[in-house]
Amino acid sequence: MKTILARWQANFLAGLAIVLPAVISVAVVLWLFDRVANITDSLLFFLPHQITHRNGGEGPIYWYWSLAALVWAIVLIGTMAPVAPFAYPDKPGYLAPEAATTHVLARPEQDVADALARLADELGAPDVPAPEHKRVDLPTKAEITQENITQMLAALLPENAVVIDESVSFGRNFFNGLSAAAPHDWLQITGAAIGSGLPMATGAAIAAPGRRVVALQADGSAMYTLQALWTQARERLPITTVLLSNRKYQILLGELINVGANAGRVALDMMDLGNPDIAWTNLAQGMGVEAARATTANEFADLFVQANKTRGPFLIELMT
């Protein structure tokens, strides 16, 4: 580590990748990032976080594994070396270049936050003030787009909410965009499987009584664990489910491209959830959950406010 610290202090960090675990406070990471950014022009690489707590105003986490060829050193902080979740033809399973050197700052069982703090101190990185929290305004346009829905969620998210993110393809902007929302906890799917969103929301509501749970849920993934809605109704759990209904397995269509498949009509039909259309409001009501459909962004904003005031569960089918 002495060598890598010397290179860090000498401003030669253009090829350093820092790999962090799934369970860590984003506030800690950004604090380190901001401190180090004052003394270096480095590029920092972060893996996405599955379980995080964010105070309003925290900035985005970037990850650029497409630039992996530039990496000459990897620092593992409380996690294992990064590997690809799927086996793609002619693509490596290990995401670091063979020539890169791996350093371990902290093992998974060790105190990650303490390790980061000691590293920043060793570098002489100055303290930085916490970012000012400014809530965003509601968008003026009524179209349902990723940008509009992200802005609405950031503006209307309840204080101290628990956000469950299995939005998959439509919600790629959500994590960064909701950095301007009120303080909240964020739990998301770890990848390589779908269907965890609804039961995760159910468990979060039981584990965190008195807090509103907001589940950002893709429709295809929700079909795997629909029965969780019944449990939410039975237990009167305070959960707002935003059901993103694009009526297709968009993420799997992307995976077909990733593996180089030349999909025919039969394969493509298997990714279609529109024949027949799934009536999510009917399914939710059949499970005992109050539900409504939004066909414009303004309708969604009104329903989201209404849902978060409901004592029990509420599902919004957002037609994306």
Protein backbone atom coordinates (compact mmCIF):
# COMPACT_ATOMS: atom_id res chain seq x y z
CA MET A 1 0.00 0.00 0.00
CA LYS A 2 2.90 2.41 0.58
CA THR A 3 3.67 2.40 -3.12
CA ILE A 4 0.10 3.07 -4.12
CA LEU A 5 -0.22 5.84 -1.51
CA ALA A 6 2.93 7.46 -2.83
CA ARG A 7 1.55 7.39 -6.35
CA TRP A 8 -1.77 8.74 -5.06
CA GLN A 9 -0.08 11.66 -3.36
CA ALA A 10 1.97 12.28 -6.49
CA ASN A 11 -1.19 12.78 -8.58
CA PHE A 12 -0.80 9.61 -10.64
CA LEU A 13 -4.23 8.15 -9.96
CA ALA A 14 -5.58 8.09 -13.50
CA GLY A 15 -5.51 4.29 -13.48
CA LEU A 16 -6.67 3.48 -9.93
CA ALA A 17 -9.89 1.58 -9.32
CA ILE A 18 -11.46 1.55 -5.86
CA VAL A 19 -13.90 -1.31 -5.29
CA LEU A 20 -16.32 -0.97 -2.39
CA PRO A 21 -18.78 -3.42 -0.84
CA ALA A 22 -22.52 -3.47 -1.39
CA VAL A 23 -23.30 -2.48 2.19
CA ILE A 24 -21.82 0.92 3.03
CA SER A 25 -23.02 4.44 3.64
CA VAL A 26 -22.83 6.58 0.53
CA ALA A 27 -22.13 9.53 2.83
CA VAL A 28 -18.84 7.89 3.87
CA VAL A 29 -17.84 7.23 0.28
CA LEU A 30 -18.61 10.74 -0.89
CA TRP A 31 -16.83 12.23 2.09
CA LEU A 32 -13.68 10.35 1.09
CA PHE A 33 -14.20 11.21 -2.56
CA ASP A 34 -14.57 14.92 -1.82
CA ARG A 35 -11.53 14.98 0.45
CA VAL A 36 -9.31 13.17 -2.02
CA ALA A 37 -10.61 15.21 -4.95
CA ASN A 38 -8.99 18.25 -3.35
CA ILE A 39 -5.49 16.78 -3.73
CA THR A 40 -5.61 14.71 -6.91
CA ASP A 41 -7.02 14.55 -10.42
CA SER A 42 -7.77 10.86 -10.00
CA LEU A 43 -10.45 8.78 -11.64
CA LEU A 44 -12.31 6.74 -9.01
CA PHE A 45 -14.29 3.63 -9.97
CA PHE A 46 -17.13 2.51 -7.75
CA LEU A 47 -19.39 -0.50 -8.03
CA PRO A 48 -23.11 0.20 -7.53
CA HIS A 49 -24.40 0.00 -3.95
CA GLN A 50 -27.21 -2.33 -2.96
CA ILE A 51 -27.87 -1.04 0.57
CA THR A 52 -27.17 2.58 1.34
CA HIS A 53 -28.29 5.49 3.47
CA ARG A 54 -28.31 8.96 1.94
CA ASN A 55 -28.79 12.39 3.38
CA GLY A 56 -30.41 14.78 0.96
CA GLY A 57 -28.03 16.59 -1.36
CA GLU A 58 -25.45 13.83 -1.80
CA GLY A 59 -24.07 13.58 -5.31
CA PRO A 60 -24.01 10.60 -7.68
CA ILE A 61 -21.75 7.57 -7.66
CA TYR A 62 -20.23 6.81 -11.04
CA TRP A 63 -19.00 3.47 -12.33
CA TYR A 64 -17.12 3.13 -15.62
CA TRP A 65 -15.98 -0.44 -16.12
CA SER A 66 -15.87 0.33 -19.84
CA LEU A 67 -12.63 2.15 -18.94
CA ALA A 68 -11.18 -0.93 -17.22
CA ALA A 69 -8.31 -1.08 -19.70
CA LEU A 70 -6.93 2.11 -18.10
CA VAL A 71 -6.72 0.50 -14.66
CA TRP A 72 -3.24 -0.31 -13.39
CA ALA A 73 -4.14 -0.86 -9.73
CA ILE A 74 -7.20 -1.99 -7.80
CA VAL A 75 -7.88 -1.30 -4.12
CA LEU A 76 -10.36 -3.66 -2.47
CA ILE A 77 -12.12 -2.09 0.51
CA GLY A 78 -14.30 -4.56 2.39
CA THR A 79 -15.13 -6.60 -0.68
CA MET A 80 -13.87 -9.22 -3.11
CA ALA A 81 -12.36 -8.69 -6.56
CA PRO A 82 -15.06 -7.71 -9.09
CA VAL A 83 -16.37 -10.37 -11.47
CA ALA A 84 -19.06 -10.30 -14.16
CA PRO A 85 -22.47 -11.69 -13.07
CA PHE A 86 -23.06 -13.37 -16.43
CA ALA A 87 -20.91 -15.30 -18.86
CA TYR A 88 -20.83 -13.36 -22.12
CA PRO A 89 -19.26 -14.80 -25.27
CA ASP A 90 -15.69 -13.60 -25.80
CA LYS A 91 -15.81 -11.37 -22.70
CA PRO A 92 -13.78 -11.97 -19.54
CA GLY A 93 -15.44 -12.99 -16.31
CA TYR A 94 -12.87 -11.13 -14.22
CA LEU A 95 -13.32 -7.40 -14.75
CA ALA A 96 -9.78 -6.22 -14.06
CA PRO A 97 -6.98 -6.27 -16.65
CA GLU A 98 -4.40 -9.02 -16.12
CA ALA A 99 -1.65 -6.43 -15.70
CA ALA A 100 -3.44 -4.59 -12.88
CA THR A 101 -2.10 -4.95 -9.34
CA THR A 102 -4.62 -5.67 -6.58
CA HIS A 103 -4.26 -4.17 -3.09
CA VAL A 104 -6.44 -4.94 -0.06
CA LEU A 105 -7.14 -1.98 2.21
CA ALA A 106 -9.76 -3.76 4.32
CA ARG A 107 -11.19 -7.28 4.30
CA PRO A 108 -14.99 -7.85 4.31
CA GLU A 109 -15.06 -8.57 8.05
CA GLN A 110 -13.15 -5.38 8.92
CA ASP A 111 -14.37 -1.83 9.60
CA VAL A 112 -14.70 -0.26 6.14
CA ALA A 113 -15.59 3.25 7.31
CA ASP A 114 -12.60 3.31 9.64
CA ALA A 115 -10.31 2.12 6.84
CA LEU A 116 -11.52 4.89 4.55
CA ALA A 117 -11.07 7.52 7.25
CA ARG A 118 -7.53 6.34 7.99
CA LEU A 119 -6.70 6.37 4.29
CA ALA A 120 -7.92 9.95 3.90
CA ASP A 121 -5.92 10.98 6.97
CA GLU A 122 -2.79 9.25 5.66
CA LEU A 123 -3.13 11.21 2.43
CA GLY A 124 -3.54 14.46 4.30
CA ALA A 125 -6.82 15.06 2.54
CA PRO A 126 -8.65 18.12 3.95
CA ASP A 127 -12.13 17.97 5.45
CA VAL A 128 -14.93 19.23 3.25
CA PRO A 129 -18.30 20.68 4.32
CA ALA A 130 -21.44 18.62 3.88
CA PRO A 131 -23.33 19.51 0.68
CA GLU A 132 -26.32 21.78 1.07
CA HIS A 133 -29.61 19.98 0.63
CA LYS A 134 -31.94 21.62 -1.88
CA ARG A 135 -35.11 19.81 -2.87
CA VAL A 136 -35.91 19.93 -6.56
CA ASP A 137 -39.07 21.38 -8.04
CA LEU A 138 -41.70 19.36 -9.80
CA PRO A 139 -41.25 19.24 -13.59
CA THR A 140 -43.61 21.32 -15.66
CA LYS A 141 -44.06 18.75 -18.44
CA ALA A 142 -46.75 16.07 -18.29
CA GLU A 143 -45.02 13.39 -20.38
CA ILE A 144 -43.97 10.14 -18.70
CA THR A 145 -40.22 10.05 -19.24
CA GLN A 146 -37.37 8.76 -17.11
CA GLU A 147 -36.26 12.33 -16.42
CA ASN A 148 -39.72 13.61 -15.40
CA ILE A 149 -40.50 10.66 -13.12
CA THR A 150 -37.06 10.84 -11.52
CA GLN A 151 -37.54 14.55 -10.78
CA MET A 152 -41.01 13.93 -9.36
CA LEU A 153 -39.75 11.18 -7.07
CA ALA A 154 -36.94 13.43 -5.86
CA ALA A 155 -39.37 16.26 -5.14
CA LEU A 156 -42.06 14.18 -3.44
CA LEU A 157 -40.23 11.37 -1.64
CA PRO A 158 -41.31 11.31 2.03
CA GLU A 159 -38.80 12.14 4.74
CA ASN A 160 -36.92 9.10 6.06
CA ALA A 161 -38.46 6.75 3.50
CA VAL A 162 -37.07 3.34 2.64
CA VAL A 163 -36.70 3.04 -1.15
CA ILE A 164 -36.73 -0.39 -2.76
CA ASP A 165 -35.33 -0.27 -6.28
CA GLU A 166 -36.17 -3.04 -8.71
CA SER A 167 -37.04 -0.60 -11.46
CA VAL A 168 -34.46 -2.26 -13.73
CA SER A 169 -34.41 -0.71 -17.23
CA PHE A 170 -36.75 2.29 -16.75
CA GLY A 171 -35.13 3.35 -13.49
CA ARG A 172 -31.51 3.73 -14.54
CA ASN A 173 -31.63 7.43 -13.56
CA PHE A 174 -33.31 6.90 -10.20
CA PHE A 175 -30.31 6.34 -7.92
CA ASN A 176 -28.40 9.41 -9.08
CA GLY A 177 -31.51 11.53 -9.56
CA LEU A 178 -32.86 10.91 -6.08
CA SER A 179 -29.68 12.24 -4.49
CA ALA A 180 -31.65 15.51 -4.20
CA ALA A 181 -34.54 13.84 -2.34
CA ALA A 182 -35.20 13.95 1.39
CA PRO A 183 -32.99 11.68 3.54
CA HIS A 184 -33.80 8.02 2.90
CA ASP A 185 -32.45 4.47 2.85
CA TRP A 186 -31.94 2.69 -0.47
CA LEU A 187 -32.11 -1.05 -1.09
CA GLN A 188 -31.82 -2.47 -4.58
CA ILE A 189 -31.56 -5.69 -6.47
CA THR A 190 -28.00 -6.99 -6.54
CA GLY A 191 -28.18 -8.26 -10.13
CA ALA A 192 -28.18 -11.67 -11.84
CA ALA A 193 -31.80 -12.31 -10.82
CA ILE A 194 -35.14 -10.52 -10.75
CA GLY A 195 -38.22 -10.69 -8.54
CA SER A 196 -36.90 -9.50 -5.18
CA GLY A 197 -38.55 -6.07 -5.13
CA LEU A 198 -42.01 -6.78 -3.70
CA PRO A 199 -40.87 -9.17 -0.94
CA MET A 200 -37.98 -6.81 -0.11
CA ALA A 201 -40.46 -3.98 0.34
CA THR A 202 -42.60 -6.21 2.54
CA GLY A 203 -39.64 -7.09 4.75
CA ALA A 204 -38.46 -3.48 4.95
CA ALA A 205 -41.88 -2.30 6.13
CA ILE A 206 -41.93 -4.93 8.87
CA ALA A 207 -38.34 -4.18 9.89
CA ALA A 208 -38.77 -0.39 9.93
CA PRO A 209 -42.15 0.39 11.51
CA GLY A 210 -43.29 3.99 11.25
CA ARG A 211 -41.45 4.66 7.98
CA ARG A 212 -42.94 4.79 4.50
CA VAL A 213 -41.56 2.24 2.05
CA VAL A 214 -41.50 3.23 -1.63
CA ALA A 215 -41.04 0.31 -4.01
CA LEU A 216 -39.91 1.24 -7.54
CA GLN A 217 -40.92 -1.95 -9.28
CA ALA A 218 -40.63 -3.19 -12.88
CA ASP A 219 -43.67 -5.09 -14.11
CA GLY A 220 -41.89 -8.16 -15.45
CA SER A 221 -39.96 -8.65 -12.23
CA ALA A 222 -43.11 -8.15 -10.15
CA MET A 223 -44.73 -11.14 -11.87
CA TYR A 224 -42.29 -13.43 -10.03
CA THR A 225 -43.50 -12.50 -6.54
CA LEU A 226 -46.96 -11.00 -6.96
CA GLN A 227 -48.21 -12.75 -3.80
CA ALA A 228 -46.22 -10.30 -1.65
CA LEU A 229 -49.03 -7.78 -2.27
CA TRP A 230 -51.41 -10.00 -0.33
CA THR A 231 -49.06 -10.03 2.65
CA GLN A 232 -48.79 -6.24 2.47
CA ALA A 233 -52.59 -5.95 2.60
CA ARG A 234 -52.95 -8.54 5.36
CA GLU A 235 -50.39 -6.75 7.56
CA ARG A 236 -51.53 -3.24 6.57
CA LEU A 237 -47.99 -2.31 5.69
CA PRO A 238 -47.20 1.32 4.69
CA ILE A 239 -45.87 0.60 1.20
CA THR A 240 -46.25 2.66 -1.96
CA THR A 241 -45.51 0.50 -4.99
CA VAL A 242 -44.76 2.36 -8.21
CA LEU A 243 -45.38 -0.36 -10.78
CA LEU A 244 -43.51 0.59 -13.97
CA SER A 245 -45.59 -0.99 -16.70
CA ASN A 246 -43.84 -1.18 -20.07
CA ARG A 247 -45.37 -4.62 -20.72
CA LYS A 248 -42.13 -6.29 -21.71
CA TYR A 249 -39.01 -7.87 -20.25
CA GLN A 250 -36.81 -5.00 -21.45
CA ILE A 251 -33.82 -6.09 -19.38
CA LEU A 252 -33.88 -9.55 -20.97
CA LEU A 253 -34.08 -8.02 -24.43
CA GLY A 254 -30.86 -6.24 -23.54
CA GLU A 255 -29.28 -9.49 -22.39
CA LEU A 256 -30.11 -11.10 -25.73
CA ILE A 257 -28.06 -8.35 -27.36
CA ASN A 258 -25.23 -8.79 -24.85
CA VAL A 259 -24.83 -12.48 -25.65
CA GLY A 260 -24.97 -11.78 -29.39
CA ALA A 261 -28.20 -13.69 -29.97
CA ASN A 262 -30.11 -13.21 -33.22
CA ALA A 263 -33.53 -13.60 -31.64
CA GLY A 264 -36.40 -14.84 -33.75
CA ARG A 265 -40.11 -14.13 -33.39
CA VAL A 266 -40.74 -16.91 -30.85
CA ALA A 267 -37.94 -15.69 -28.58
CA LEU A 268 -39.08 -12.07 -28.81
CA ASP A 269 -42.69 -13.06 -28.08
CA MET A 270 -41.50 -14.62 -24.82
CA MET A 271 -40.30 -11.18 -23.73
CA ASP A 272 -43.70 -9.60 -24.42
CA LEU A 273 -46.10 -8.98 -21.52
CA GLY A 274 -48.75 -7.36 -23.69
CA ASN A 275 -50.65 -10.36 -25.06
CA PRO A 276 -52.84 -10.20 -23.06
CA ASP A 277 -52.15 -6.96 -21.19
CA ILE A 278 -51.66 -7.39 -17.44
CA ALA A 279 -54.16 -5.31 -15.45
CA TRP A 280 -52.04 -4.48 -12.42
CA THR A 281 -54.68 -2.39 -10.71
CA ASN A 282 -57.05 -5.36 -10.85
CA LEU A 283 -54.39 -7.75 -9.61
CA ALA A 284 -53.51 -5.47 -6.70
CA GLN A 285 -57.13 -4.92 -5.73
CA GLY A 286 -57.69 -8.67 -5.90
CA MET A 287 -54.92 -9.01 -3.31
CA GLY A 288 -56.54 -6.38 -1.10
CA VAL A 289 -54.23 -3.49 -2.08
CA GLU A 290 -55.69 -0.14 -3.11
CA ALA A 291 -54.54 0.72 -6.64
CA ALA A 292 -54.84 3.27 -9.44
CA ARG A 293 -53.33 3.84 -12.88
CA ALA A 294 -51.37 6.91 -14.05
CA THR A 295 -51.13 7.68 -17.76
CA THR A 296 -49.46 11.12 -17.39
CA ALA A 297 -46.70 12.41 -15.15
CA ASN A 298 -49.11 14.83 -13.47
CA GLU A 299 -51.49 11.99 -12.65
CA PHE A 300 -48.58 10.11 -11.18
CA ALA A 301 -47.55 13.04 -8.97
CA ASP A 302 -51.07 13.34 -7.55
CA LEU A 303 -51.34 9.60 -6.93
CA PHE A 304 -47.88 9.42 -5.36
CA VAL A 305 -48.81 12.08 -2.80
CA GLN A 306 -52.12 10.33 -2.13
CA ALA A 307 -50.48 6.93 -1.79
CA ASN A 308 -47.91 8.13 0.73
CA LYS A 309 -50.70 9.48 2.94
CA THR A 310 -52.46 6.11 2.93
CA ARG A 311 -52.02 4.09 6.12
CA GLY A 312 -51.71 0.79 4.29
CA PRO A 313 -50.32 -0.34 0.93
CA PHE A 314 -51.08 1.44 -2.34
CA LEU A 315 -50.03 0.47 -5.87
CA ILE A 316 -49.66 2.95 -8.72
CA GLU A 317 -49.53 1.40 -12.18
CA LEU A 318 -47.42 3.89 -14.12
CA MET A 319 -47.78 3.36 -17.87
CA THR A 320 -44.26 3.81 -19.18
